[in-house]
């Protein structure tokens, strides 16, 4: 091979590598642009989701407070009735205990 042939091949390889590097840079720039666009869209959607979750959480807190208030009110009523007639309350509790025991024993004997 002559010096002329070697230098021609070097220039050709150099030109080919430069073209590849340019295409690679263009591809990387496109990927970065696409990633940035996707990130912007995801951020917008996340902000919307955060807003909806915040509204939902507020609604759940209000409902939980309402339920807790109703439960306290019912517990107060039950306490008043139990204090007014304690023997009736003990009889009802004993009756429920007997029924629960009967059902549990029945279930165990059926499982055997």
PDB file of N, CA and C in Angstrom:
ATOM      1  N   UNK A   1       0.840  -1.163   0.000  1.00  0.00           N
ATOM      2  CA  UNK A   1       0.000   0.000   0.000  1.00  0.00           C
ATOM      3  C   UNK A   1       0.892   1.235   0.000  1.00  0.00           C
ATOM      4  N   UNK A   2       0.393   2.213  -0.639  1.00  0.00           N
ATOM      5  CA  UNK A   2       1.163   3.460  -0.703  1.00  0.00           C
ATOM      6  C   UNK A   2       0.652   4.413   0.352  1.00  0.00           C
ATOM      7  N   UNK A   3       1.409   5.459   0.548  1.00  0.00           N
ATOM      8  CA  UNK A   3       1.029   6.469   1.523  1.00  0.00           C
ATOM      9  C   UNK A   3      -0.252   7.154   1.112  1.00  0.00           C
ATOM     10  N   UNK A   4      -0.458   7.313  -0.169  1.00  0.00           N
ATOM     11  CA  UNK A   4      -1.657   7.955  -0.687  1.00  0.00           C
ATOM     12  C   UNK A   4      -2.893   7.133  -0.344  1.00  0.00           C
ATOM     13  N   UNK A   5      -2.833   5.817  -0.461  1.00  0.00           N
ATOM     14  CA  UNK A   5      -3.952   4.934  -0.169  1.00  0.00           C
ATOM     15  C   UNK A   5      -4.263   4.962   1.331  1.00  0.00           C
ATOM     16  N   UNK A   6      -3.245   4.952   2.152  1.00  0.00           N
ATOM     17  CA  UNK A   6      -3.448   4.947   3.605  1.00  0.00           C
ATOM     18  C   UNK A   6      -4.094   6.257   4.045  1.00  0.00           C
ATOM     19  N   UNK A   7      -3.634   7.366   3.538  1.00  0.00           N
ATOM     20  CA  UNK A   7      -4.211   8.641   3.948  1.00  0.00           C
ATOM     21  C   UNK A   7      -5.633   8.776   3.444  1.00  0.00           C
ATOM     22  N   UNK A   8      -5.944   8.235   2.266  1.00  0.00           N
ATOM     23  CA  UNK A   8      -7.305   8.277   1.741  1.00  0.00           C
ATOM     24  C   UNK A   8      -8.238   7.465   2.641  1.00  0.00           C
ATOM     25  N   UNK A   9      -7.799   6.296   3.073  1.00  0.00           N
ATOM     26  CA  UNK A   9      -8.609   5.465   3.967  1.00  0.00           C
ATOM     27  C   UNK A   9      -8.793   6.148   5.318  1.00  0.00           C
ATOM     28  N   UNK A  10      -7.798   6.806   5.826  1.00  0.00           N
ATOM     29  CA  UNK A  10      -7.894   7.496   7.103  1.00  0.00           C
ATOM     30  C   UNK A  10      -8.921   8.603   7.027  1.00  0.00           C
ATOM     31  N   UNK A  11      -8.891   9.376   5.931  1.00  0.00           N
ATOM     32  CA  UNK A  11      -9.872  10.439   5.771  1.00  0.00           C
ATOM     33  C   UNK A  11     -11.274   9.880   5.646  1.00  0.00           C
ATOM     34  N   UNK A  12     -11.407   8.779   4.907  1.00  0.00           N
ATOM     35  CA  UNK A  12     -12.715   8.154   4.725  1.00  0.00           C
ATOM     36  C   UNK A  12     -13.249   7.633   6.058  1.00  0.00           C
ATOM     37  N   UNK A  13     -12.429   6.993   6.869  1.00  0.00           N
ATOM     38  CA  UNK A  13     -12.838   6.481   8.176  1.00  0.00           C
ATOM     39  C   UNK A  13     -13.160   7.642   9.108  1.00  0.00           C
ATOM     40  N   UNK A  14     -12.352   8.693   9.032  1.00  0.00           N
ATOM     41  CA  UNK A  14     -12.588   9.859   9.871  1.00  0.00           C
ATOM     42  C   UNK A  14     -13.909  10.515   9.514  1.00  0.00           C
ATOM     43  N   UNK A  15     -14.204  10.623   8.225  1.00  0.00           N
ATOM     44  CA  UNK A  15     -15.461  11.216   7.773  1.00  0.00           C
ATOM     45  C   UNK A  15     -16.644  10.359   8.213  1.00  0.00           C
ATOM     46  N   UNK A  16     -16.503   9.031   8.120  1.00  0.00           N
ATOM     47  CA  UNK A  16     -17.559   8.113   8.524  1.00  0.00           C
ATOM     48  C   UNK A  16     -17.808   8.214  10.034  1.00  0.00           C
ATOM     49  N   UNK A  17     -16.737   8.275  10.825  1.00  0.00           N
ATOM     50  CA  UNK A  17     -16.890   8.412  12.275  1.00  0.00           C
ATOM     51  C   UNK A  17     -17.527   9.748  12.632  1.00  0.00           C
ATOM     52  N   UNK A  18     -17.153  10.794  11.943  1.00  0.00           N
ATOM     53  CA  UNK A  18     -17.743  12.105  12.190  1.00  0.00           C
ATOM     54  C   UNK A  18     -19.227  12.101  11.890  1.00  0.00           C
ATOM     55  N   UNK A  19     -19.626  11.428  10.833  1.00  0.00           N
ATOM     56  CA  UNK A  19     -21.035  11.324  10.461  1.00  0.00           C
ATOM     57  C   UNK A  19     -21.800  10.540  11.519  1.00  0.00           C
ATOM     58  N   UNK A  20     -21.202   9.455  11.993  1.00  0.00           N
ATOM     59  CA  UNK A  20     -21.840   8.656  13.049  1.00  0.00           C
ATOM     60  C   UNK A  20     -21.982   9.471  14.331  1.00  0.00           C
ATOM     61  N   UNK A  21     -20.918  10.189  14.687  1.00  0.00           N
ATOM     62  CA  UNK A  21     -20.962  11.012  15.890  1.00  0.00           C
ATOM     63  C   UNK A  21     -22.049  12.075  15.776  1.00  0.00           C
ATOM     64  N   UNK A  22     -22.196  12.649  14.611  1.00  0.00           N
ATOM     65  CA  UNK A  22     -23.238  13.658  14.397  1.00  0.00           C
ATOM     66  C   UNK A  22     -24.620  13.053  14.550  1.00  0.00           C
ATOM     67  N   UNK A  23     -24.810  11.886  13.958  1.00  0.00           N
ATOM     68  CA  UNK A  23     -26.109  11.214  14.095  1.00  0.00           C
ATOM     69  C   UNK A  23     -26.368  10.817  15.539  1.00  0.00           C
ATOM     70  N   UNK A  24     -25.314  10.384  16.219  1.00  0.00           N
ATOM     71  CA  UNK A  24     -25.451  10.001  17.622  1.00  0.00           C
ATOM     72  C   UNK A  24     -25.818  11.221  18.465  1.00  0.00           C
ATOM     73  N   UNK A  25     -25.161  12.354  18.203  1.00  0.00           N
ATOM     74  CA  UNK A  25     -25.495  13.579  18.933  1.00  0.00           C
ATOM     75  C   UNK A  25     -26.938  13.998  18.677  1.00  0.00           C
ATOM     76  N   UNK A  26     -27.381  13.888  17.430  1.00  0.00           N
ATOM     77  CA  UNK A  26     -28.755  14.234  17.087  1.00  0.00           C
ATOM     78  C   UNK A  26     -29.725  13.311  17.803  1.00  0.00           C
ATOM     79  N   UNK A  27     -29.410  12.030  17.840  1.00  0.00           N
ATOM     80  CA  UNK A  27     -30.255  11.053  18.528  1.00  0.00           C
ATOM     81  C   UNK A  27     -30.323  11.341  20.027  1.00  0.00           C
ATOM     82  N   UNK A  28     -29.195  11.669  20.626  1.00  0.00           N
ATOM     83  CA  UNK A  28     -29.156  11.985  22.053  1.00  0.00           C
ATOM     84  C   UNK A  28     -29.960  13.245  22.343  1.00  0.00           C
ATOM     85  N   UNK A  29     -29.813  14.263  21.497  1.00  0.00           N
ATOM     86  CA  UNK A  29     -30.566  15.506  21.688  1.00  0.00           C
ATOM     87  C   UNK A  29     -32.066  15.246  21.574  1.00  0.00           C
ATOM     88  N   UNK A  30     -32.460  14.415  20.613  1.00  0.00           N
ATOM     89  CA  UNK A  30     -33.872  14.066  20.463  1.00  0.00           C
ATOM     90  C   UNK A  30     -34.401  13.313  21.667  1.00  0.00           C
ATOM     91  N   UNK A  31     -33.597  12.410  22.200  1.00  0.00           N
ATOM     92  CA  UNK A  31     -34.001  11.643  23.376  1.00  0.00           C
ATOM     93  C   UNK A  31     -34.154  12.562  24.583  1.00  0.00           C
ATOM     94  N   UNK A  32     -33.217  13.502  24.736  1.00  0.00           N
ATOM     95  CA  UNK A  32     -33.323  14.450  25.848  1.00  0.00           C
ATOM     96  C   UNK A  32     -34.571  15.305  25.719  1.00  0.00           C
ATOM     97  N   UNK A  33     -34.862  15.739  24.509  1.00  0.00           N
ATOM     98  CA  UNK A  33     -36.051  16.563  24.271  1.00  0.00           C
ATOM     99  C   UNK A  33     -37.317  15.782  24.592  1.00  0.00           C
ATOM    100  N   UNK A  34     -37.374  14.551  24.139  1.00  0.00           N
ATOM    101  CA  UNK A  34     -38.535  13.703  24.404  1.00  0.00           C
ATOM    102  C   UNK A  34     -38.684  13.445  25.908  1.00  0.00           C
ATOM    103  N   UNK A  35     -37.585  13.171  26.579  1.00  0.00           N
ATOM    104  CA  UNK A  35     -37.633  12.926  28.025  1.00  0.00           C
ATOM    105  C   UNK A  35     -38.122  14.170  28.760  1.00  0.00           C
ATOM    106  N   UNK A  36     -37.671  15.318  28.334  1.00  0.00           N
ATOM    107  CA  UNK A  36     -38.108  16.568  28.962  1.00  0.00           C
ATOM    108  C   UNK A  36     -39.597  16.785  28.752  1.00  0.00           C
ATOM    109  N   UNK A  37     -40.073  16.506  27.539  1.00  0.00           N
ATOM    110  CA  UNK A  37     -41.501  16.664  27.237  1.00  0.00           C
ATOM    111  C   UNK A  37     -42.343  15.707  28.078  1.00  0.00           C
ATOM    112  N   UNK A  38     -41.911  14.475  28.173  1.00  0.00           N
ATOM    113  CA  UNK A  38     -42.633  13.475  28.976  1.00  0.00           C
ATOM    114  C   UNK A  38     -42.633  13.885  30.442  1.00  0.00           C
ATOM    115  N   UNK A  39     -41.504  14.392  30.921  1.00  0.00           N
ATOM    116  CA  UNK A  39     -41.406  14.832  32.310  1.00  0.00           C
ATOM    117  C   UNK A  39     -42.377  15.981  32.590  1.00  0.00           C
ATOM    118  N   UNK A  40     -42.479  16.923  31.643  1.00  0.00           N
ATOM    119  CA  UNK A  40     -43.421  18.039  31.811  1.00  0.00           C
ATOM    120  C   UNK A  40     -44.854  17.540  31.875  1.00  0.00           C
ATOM    121  N   UNK A  41     -45.203  16.610  30.989  1.00  0.00           N
ATOM    122  CA  UNK A  41     -46.559  16.059  30.995  1.00  0.00           C
ATOM    123  C   UNK A  41     -46.836  15.300  32.290  1.00  0.00           C
ATOM    124  N   UNK A  42     -45.860  14.527  32.749  1.00  0.00           N
ATOM    125  CA  UNK A  42     -46.034  13.765  33.984  1.00  0.00           C
ATOM    126  C   UNK A  42     -46.197  14.716  35.165  1.00  0.00           C
ATOM    127  N   UNK A  43     -45.438  15.805  35.174  1.00  0.00           N
ATOM    128  CA  UNK A  43     -45.548  16.773  36.267  1.00  0.00           C
ATOM    129  C   UNK A  43     -46.943  17.379  36.307  1.00  0.00           C
ATOM    130  N   UNK A  44     -47.473  17.721  35.129  1.00  0.00           N
ATOM    131  CA  UNK A  44     -48.824  18.283  35.068  1.00  0.00           C
ATOM    132  C   UNK A  44     -49.855  17.286  35.586  1.00  0.00           C
ATOM    133  N   UNK A  45     -49.722  16.049  35.164  1.00  0.00           N
ATOM    134  CA  UNK A  45     -50.673  15.029  35.610  1.00  0.00           C
ATOM    135  C   UNK A  45     -50.536  14.776  37.110  1.00  0.00           C
ATOM    136  N   UNK A  46     -49.304  14.779  37.619  1.00  0.00           N
ATOM    137  CA  UNK A  46     -49.103  14.575  39.055  1.00  0.00           C
ATOM    138  C   UNK A  46     -49.704  15.718  39.854  1.00  0.00           C
ATOM    139  N   UNK A  47     -49.588  16.941  39.374  1.00  0.00           N
ATOM    140  CA  UNK A  47     -50.181  18.081  40.069  1.00  0.00           C
ATOM    141  C   UNK A  47     -51.705  17.931  40.121  1.00  0.00           C
ATOM    142  N   UNK A  48     -52.304  17.506  39.015  1.00  0.00           N
ATOM    143  CA  UNK A  48     -53.749  17.271  39.000  1.00  0.00           C
ATOM    144  C   UNK A  48     -54.148  16.173  39.966  1.00  0.00           C
ATOM    145  N   UNK A  49     -53.359  15.121  39.996  1.00  0.00           N
ATOM    146  CA  UNK A  49     -53.635  14.003  40.902  1.00  0.00           C
ATOM    147  C   UNK A  49     -53.496  14.436  42.356  1.00  0.00           C
ATOM    148  N   UNK A  50     -52.475  15.243  42.647  1.00  0.00           N
ATOM    149  CA  UNK A  50     -52.294  15.747  44.013  1.00  0.00           C
ATOM    150  C   UNK A  50     -53.502  16.566  44.441  1.00  0.00           C
ATOM    151  N   UNK A  51     -53.998  17.391  43.531  1.00  0.00           N
ATOM    152  CA  UNK A  51     -55.175  18.206  43.846  1.00  0.00           C
ATOM    153  C   UNK A  51     -56.389  17.349  44.150  1.00  0.00           C
ATOM    154  N   UNK A  52     -56.621  16.344  43.319  1.00  0.00           N
ATOM    155  CA  UNK A  52     -57.774  15.460  43.539  1.00  0.00           C
ATOM    156  C   UNK A  52     -57.628  14.680  44.837  1.00  0.00           C
ATOM    157  N   UNK A  53     -56.408  14.218  45.131  1.00  0.00           N
ATOM    158  CA  UNK A  53     -56.185  13.490  46.378  1.00  0.00           C
ATOM    159  C   UNK A  53     -56.406  14.394  47.586  1.00  0.00           C
ATOM    160  N   UNK A  54     -55.992  15.635  47.477  1.00  0.00           N
ATOM    161  CA  UNK A  54     -56.181  16.575  48.576  1.00  0.00           C
ATOM    162  C   UNK A  54     -57.665  16.802  48.847  1.00  0.00           C
ATOM    163  N   UNK A  55     -58.438  16.984  47.784  1.00  0.00           N
ATOM    164  CA  UNK A  55     -59.886  17.179  47.935  1.00  0.00           C
ATOM    165  C   UNK A  55     -60.525  15.919  48.522  1.00  0.00           C
ATOM    166  N   UNK A  56     -60.125  14.766  48.031  1.00  0.00           N
ATOM    167  CA  UNK A  56     -60.661  13.499  48.540  1.00  0.00           C
ATOM    168  C   UNK A  56     -60.306  13.282  49.997  1.00  0.00           C
ATOM    169  N   UNK A  57     -59.081  13.608  50.366  1.00  0.00           N
ATOM    170  CA  UNK A  57     -58.652  13.441  51.750  1.00  0.00           C
ATOM    171  C   UNK A  57     -59.445  14.365  52.673  1.00  0.00           C
ATOM    172  N   UNK A  58     -59.692  15.575  52.227  1.00  0.00           N
ATOM    173  CA  UNK A  58     -60.494  16.511  53.028  1.00  0.00           C
ATOM    174  C   UNK A  58     -61.904  15.967  53.236  1.00  0.00           C
ATOM    175  N   UNK A  59     -62.480  15.410  52.175  1.00  0.00           N
ATOM    176  CA  UNK A  59     -63.831  14.846  52.274  1.00  0.00           C
ATOM    177  C   UNK A  59     -63.857  13.655  53.241  1.00  0.00           C
ATOM    178  N   UNK A  60     -62.822  12.827  53.190  1.00  0.00           N
ATOM    179  CA  UNK A  60     -62.751  11.667  54.088  1.00  0.00           C
ATOM    180  C   UNK A  60     -62.620  12.130  55.539  1.00  0.00           C
ATOM    181  N   UNK A  61     -61.814  13.160  55.774  1.00  0.00           N
ATOM    182  CA  UNK A  61     -61.664  13.674  57.141  1.00  0.00           C
ATOM    183  C   UNK A  61     -62.990  14.192  57.683  1.00  0.00           C
ATOM    184  N   UNK A  62     -63.731  14.918  56.844  1.00  0.00           N
ATOM    185  CA  UNK A  62     -65.031  15.443  57.276  1.00  0.00           C
ATOM    186  C   UNK A  62     -65.975  14.292  57.595  1.00  0.00           C
ATOM    187  N   UNK A  63     -66.007  13.283  56.729  1.00  0.00           N
ATOM    188  CA  UNK A  63     -66.886  12.130  56.944  1.00  0.00           C
ATOM    189  C   UNK A  63     -66.484  11.360  58.197  1.00  0.00           C
ATOM    190  N   UNK A  64     -65.173  11.190  58.428  1.00  0.00           N
ATOM    191  CA  UNK A  64     -64.701  10.472  59.612  1.00  0.00           C
ATOM    192  C   UNK A  64     -65.102  11.219  60.891  1.00  0.00           C
ATOM    193  N   UNK A  65     -64.993  12.533  60.871  1.00  0.00           N
ATOM    194  CA  UNK A  65     -65.410  13.315  62.041  1.00  0.00           C
ATOM    195  C   UNK A  65     -66.904  13.150  62.294  1.00  0.00           C
ATOM    196  N   UNK A  66     -67.673  13.137  61.220  1.00  0.00           N
ATOM    197  CA  UNK A  66     -69.123  12.964  61.342  1.00  0.00           C
ATOM    198  C   UNK A  66     -69.463  11.592  61.922  1.00  0.00           C
ATOM    199  N   UNK A  67     -68.794  10.559  61.440  1.00  0.00           N
ATOM    200  CA  UNK A  67     -69.035   9.201  61.928  1.00  0.00           C
ATOM    201  C   UNK A  67     -68.621   9.079  63.397  1.00  0.00           C
ATOM    202  N   UNK A  68     -67.477   9.670  63.762  1.00  0.00           N
ATOM    203  CA  UNK A  68     -67.015   9.613  65.152  1.00  0.00           C
ATOM    204  C   UNK A  68     -68.000  10.324  66.068  1.00  0.00           C
ATOM    205  N   UNK A  69     -68.529  11.447  65.613  1.00  0.00           N
ATOM    206  CA  UNK A  69     -69.499  12.195  66.421  1.00  0.00           C
ATOM    207  C   UNK A  69     -70.775  11.373  66.621  1.00  0.00           C
ATOM    208  N   UNK A  70     -71.239  10.730  65.536  1.00  0.00           N
ATOM    209  CA  UNK A  70     -72.440   9.891  65.628  1.00  0.00           C
ATOM    210  C   UNK A  70     -72.200   8.692  66.558  1.00  0.00           C
ATOM    211  N   UNK A  71     -71.019   8.097  66.487  1.00  0.00           N
ATOM    212  CA  UNK A  71     -70.698   6.949  67.339  1.00  0.00           C
ATOM    213  C   UNK A  71     -70.675   7.369  68.810  1.00  0.00           C
ATOM    214  N   UNK A  72     -70.083   8.551  69.100  1.00  0.00           N
ATOM    215  CA  UNK A  72     -70.073   9.039  70.485  1.00  0.00           C
ATOM    216  C   UNK A  72     -71.488   9.292  70.991  1.00  0.00           C
ATOM    217  N   UNK A  73     -72.320   9.836  70.117  1.00  0.00           N
ATOM    218  CA  UNK A  73     -73.709  10.112  70.501  1.00  0.00           C
ATOM    219  C   UNK A  73     -74.446   8.808  70.812  1.00  0.00           C
ATOM    220  N   UNK A  74     -74.269   7.786  69.956  1.00  0.00           N
ATOM    221  CA  UNK A  74     -74.932   6.490  70.182  1.00  0.00           C
ATOM    222  C   UNK A  74     -74.386   5.806  71.430  1.00  0.00           C
ATOM    223  N   UNK A  75     -73.091   5.916  71.678  1.00  0.00           N
ATOM    224  CA  UNK A  75     -72.506   5.324  72.887  1.00  0.00           C
ATOM    225  C   UNK A  75     -73.079   5.998  74.134  1.00  0.00           C
ATOM    226  N   UNK A  76     -73.272   7.297  74.054  1.00  0.00           N
ATOM    227  CA  UNK A  76     -73.884   8.028  75.176  1.00  0.00           C
ATOM    228  C   UNK A  76     -75.303   7.562  75.437  1.00  0.00           C
ATOM    229  N   UNK A  77     -76.065   7.350  74.356  1.00  0.00           N
ATOM    230  CA  UNK A  77     -77.451   6.859  74.511  1.00  0.00           C
ATOM    231  C   UNK A  77     -77.461   5.459  75.128  1.00  0.00           C
ATOM    232  N   UNK A  78     -76.553   4.588  74.652  1.00  0.00           N
ATOM    233  CA  UNK A  78     -76.487   3.225  75.189  1.00  0.00           C
ATOM    234  C   UNK A  78     -76.109   3.265  76.663  1.00  0.00           C
ATOM    235  N   UNK A  79     -75.174   4.134  77.021  1.00  0.00           N
ATOM    236  CA  UNK A  79     -74.769   4.257  78.414  1.00  0.00           C
ATOM    237  C   UNK A  79     -75.935   4.691  79.297  1.00  0.00           C
ATOM    238  N   UNK A  80     -76.727   5.641  78.805  1.00  0.00           N
ATOM    239  CA  UNK A  80     -77.894   6.107  79.564  1.00  0.00           C
ATOM    240  C   UNK A  80     -78.891   4.973  79.796  1.00  0.00           C
ATOM    241  N   UNK A  81     -79.154   4.187  78.755  1.00  0.00           N
ATOM    242  CA  UNK A  81     -80.118   3.093  78.867  1.00  0.00           C
ATOM    243  C   UNK A  81     -79.611   1.999  79.803  1.00  0.00           C
ATOM    244  N   UNK A  82     -78.303   1.705  79.715  1.00  0.00           N
ATOM    245  CA  UNK A  82     -77.735   0.672  80.591  1.00  0.00           C
ATOM    246  C   UNK A  82     -77.806   1.117  82.050  1.00  0.00           C
ATOM    247  N   UNK A  83     -77.516   2.390  82.295  1.00  0.00           N
ATOM    248  CA  UNK A  83     -77.560   2.898  83.681  1.00  0.00           C
ATOM    249  C   UNK A  83     -79.002   2.962  84.198  1.00  0.00           C
ATOM    250  N   UNK A  84     -79.953   3.182  83.288  1.00  0.00           N
ATOM    251  CA  UNK A  84     -81.352   3.242  83.705  1.00  0.00           C
ATOM    252  C   UNK A  84     -81.879   1.846  84.076  1.00  0.00           C
ATOM    253  N   UNK A  85     -81.464   0.830  83.335  1.00  0.00           N
ATOM    254  CA  UNK A  85     -81.949  -0.536  83.584  1.00  0.00           C
ATOM    255  C   UNK A  85     -80.778  -1.515  83.496  1.00  0.00           C
ATOM    256  N   UNK A  86     -79.945  -1.586  84.526  1.00  0.00           N
ATOM    257  CA  UNK A  86     -78.749  -2.436  84.449  1.00  0.00           C
ATOM    258  C   UNK A  86     -79.050  -3.925  84.387  1.00  0.00           C
ATOM    259  N   UNK A  87     -80.105  -4.376  85.049  1.00  0.00           N
ATOM    260  CA  UNK A  87     -80.412  -5.814  85.024  1.00  0.00           C
ATOM    261  C   UNK A  87     -80.920  -6.256  83.658  1.00  0.00           C
ATOM    262  N   UNK A  88     -81.675  -5.391  83.015  1.00  0.00           N
ATOM    263  CA  UNK A  88     -82.118  -5.719  81.654  1.00  0.00           C
ATOM    264  C   UNK A  88     -80.904  -5.832  80.729  1.00  0.00           C
ATOM    265  N   UNK A  89     -79.960  -4.909  80.875  1.00  0.00           N
ATOM    266  CA  UNK A  89     -78.756  -4.927  80.040  1.00  0.00           C
ATOM    267  C   UNK A  89     -77.949  -6.203  80.276  1.00  0.00           C
ATOM    268  N   UNK A  90     -77.814  -6.625  81.546  1.00  0.00           N
ATOM    269  CA  UNK A  90     -77.080  -7.852  81.844  1.00  0.00           C
ATOM    270  C   UNK A  90     -77.802  -9.068  81.271  1.00  0.00           C
ATOM    271  N   UNK A  91     -79.117  -9.095  81.324  1.00  0.00           N
ATOM    272  CA  UNK A  91     -79.890 -10.203  80.760  1.00  0.00           C
ATOM    273  C   UNK A  91     -79.725 -10.287  79.249  1.00  0.00           C
ATOM    274  N   UNK A  92     -79.777  -9.126  78.592  1.00  0.00           N
ATOM    275  CA  UNK A  92     -79.588  -9.111  77.126  1.00  0.00           C
ATOM    276  C   UNK A  92     -78.180  -9.591  76.773  1.00  0.00           C
ATOM    277  N   UNK A  93     -77.168  -9.119  77.503  1.00  0.00           N
ATOM    278  CA  UNK A  93     -75.787  -9.529  77.234  1.00  0.00           C
ATOM    279  C   UNK A  93     -75.624 -11.034  77.450  1.00  0.00           C
ATOM    280  N   UNK A  94     -76.227 -11.570  78.500  1.00  0.00           N
ATOM    281  CA  UNK A  94     -76.132 -13.012  78.772  1.00  0.00           C
ATOM    282  C   UNK A  94     -76.828 -13.804  77.676  1.00  0.00           C
ATOM    283  N   UNK A  95     -77.985 -13.346  77.235  1.00  0.00           N
ATOM    284  CA  UNK A  95     -78.708 -14.021  76.153  1.00  0.00           C
ATOM    285  C   UNK A  95     -77.909 -14.036  74.862  1.00  0.00           C
ATOM    286  N   UNK A  96     -77.295 -12.907  74.528  1.00  0.00           N
ATOM    287  CA  UNK A  96     -76.461 -12.851  73.315  1.00  0.00           C
ATOM    288  C   UNK A  96     -75.257 -13.784  73.440  1.00  0.00           C
ATOM    289  N   UNK A  97     -74.685 -13.884  74.645  1.00  0.00           N
ATOM    290  CA  UNK A  97     -73.564 -14.797  74.876  1.00  0.00           C
ATOM    291  C   UNK A  97     -73.961 -16.244  74.670  1.00  0.00           C
ATOM    292  N   UNK A  98     -75.157 -16.608  75.133  1.00  0.00           N
ATOM    293  CA  UNK A  98     -75.649 -17.980  74.958  1.00  0.00           C
ATOM    294  C   UNK A  98     -75.860 -18.285  73.478  1.00  0.00           C
ATOM    295  N   UNK A  99     -76.498 -17.367  72.778  1.00  0.00           N
ATOM    296  CA  UNK A  99     -76.741 -17.579  71.334  1.00  0.00           C
ATOM    297  C   UNK A  99     -75.411 -17.696  70.591  1.00  0.00           C
ATOM    298  N   UNK A 100     -74.440 -16.818  70.881  1.00  0.00           N
ATOM    299  CA  UNK A 100     -73.135 -16.880  70.218  1.00  0.00           C
ATOM    300  C   UNK A 100     -72.440 -18.203  70.522  1.00  0.00           C
ATOM    301  N   UNK A 101     -72.484 -18.656  71.763  1.00  0.00           N
ATOM    302  CA  UNK A 101     -71.879 -19.931  72.141  1.00  0.00           C
ATOM    303  C   UNK A 101     -72.536 -21.093  71.427  1.00  0.00           C
ATOM    304  N   UNK A 102     -73.854 -21.072  71.285  1.00  0.00           N
ATOM    305  CA  UNK A 102     -74.581 -22.119  70.583  1.00  0.00           C
ATOM    306  C   UNK A 102     -74.155 -22.173  69.117  1.00  0.00           C
ATOM    307  N   UNK A 103     -74.072 -20.997  68.482  1.00  0.00           N
ATOM    308  CA  UNK A 103     -73.688 -20.951  67.064  1.00  0.00           C
ATOM    309  C   UNK A 103     -72.253 -21.425  66.845  1.00  0.00           C
ATOM    310  N   UNK A 104     -71.363 -21.062  67.741  1.00  0.00           N
ATOM    311  CA  UNK A 104     -69.965 -21.495  67.615  1.00  0.00           C
ATOM    312  C   UNK A 104     -69.855 -23.003  67.809  1.00  0.00           C
ATOM    313  N   UNK A 105     -70.546 -23.535  68.796  1.00  0.00           N
ATOM    314  CA  UNK A 105     -70.510 -24.985  69.037  1.00  0.00           C
ATOM    315  C   UNK A 105     -71.109 -25.740  67.864  1.00  0.00           C
ATOM    316  N   UNK A 106     -72.156 -25.225  67.301  1.00  0.00           N
ATOM    317  CA  UNK A 106     -72.810 -25.851  66.155  1.00  0.00           C
ATOM    318  C   UNK A 106     -71.882 -25.870  64.947  1.00  0.00           C
ATOM    319  N   UNK A 107     -71.174 -24.754  64.732  1.00  0.00           N
ATOM    320  CA  UNK A 107     -70.243 -24.675  63.602  1.00  0.00           C
ATOM    321  C   UNK A 107     -69.091 -25.660  63.766  1.00  0.00           C
ATOM    322  N   UNK A 108     -68.595 -25.807  64.998  1.00  0.00           N
ATOM    323  CA  UNK A 108     -67.490 -26.731  65.257  1.00  0.00           C
ATOM    324  C   UNK A 108     -67.919 -28.182  65.043  1.00  0.00           C
ATOM    325  N   UNK A 109     -69.147 -28.525  65.464  1.00  0.00           N
ATOM    326  CA  UNK A 109     -69.603 -29.912  65.312  1.00  0.00           C
ATOM    327  C   UNK A 109     -69.875 -30.215  63.844  1.00  0.00           C
ATOM    328  N   UNK A 110     -70.291 -29.236  63.061  1.00  0.00           N
ATOM    329  CA  UNK A 110     -70.535 -29.441  61.630  1.00  0.00           C
ATOM    330  C   UNK A 110     -69.227 -29.603  60.861  1.00  0.00           C
ATOM    331  N   UNK A 111     -68.145 -28.977  61.359  1.00  0.00           N
ATOM    332  CA  UNK A 111     -66.847 -29.041  60.694  1.00  0.00           C
ATOM    333  C   UNK A 111     -66.176 -30.395  60.882  1.00  0.00           C
ATOM    334  N   UNK A 112     -66.557 -31.151  61.878  1.00  0.00           N
ATOM    335  CA  UNK A 112     -65.930 -32.449  62.144  1.00  0.00           C
ATOM    336  C   UNK A 112     -66.369 -33.477  61.218  1.00  0.00           C
TER     337      UNK A 112
END
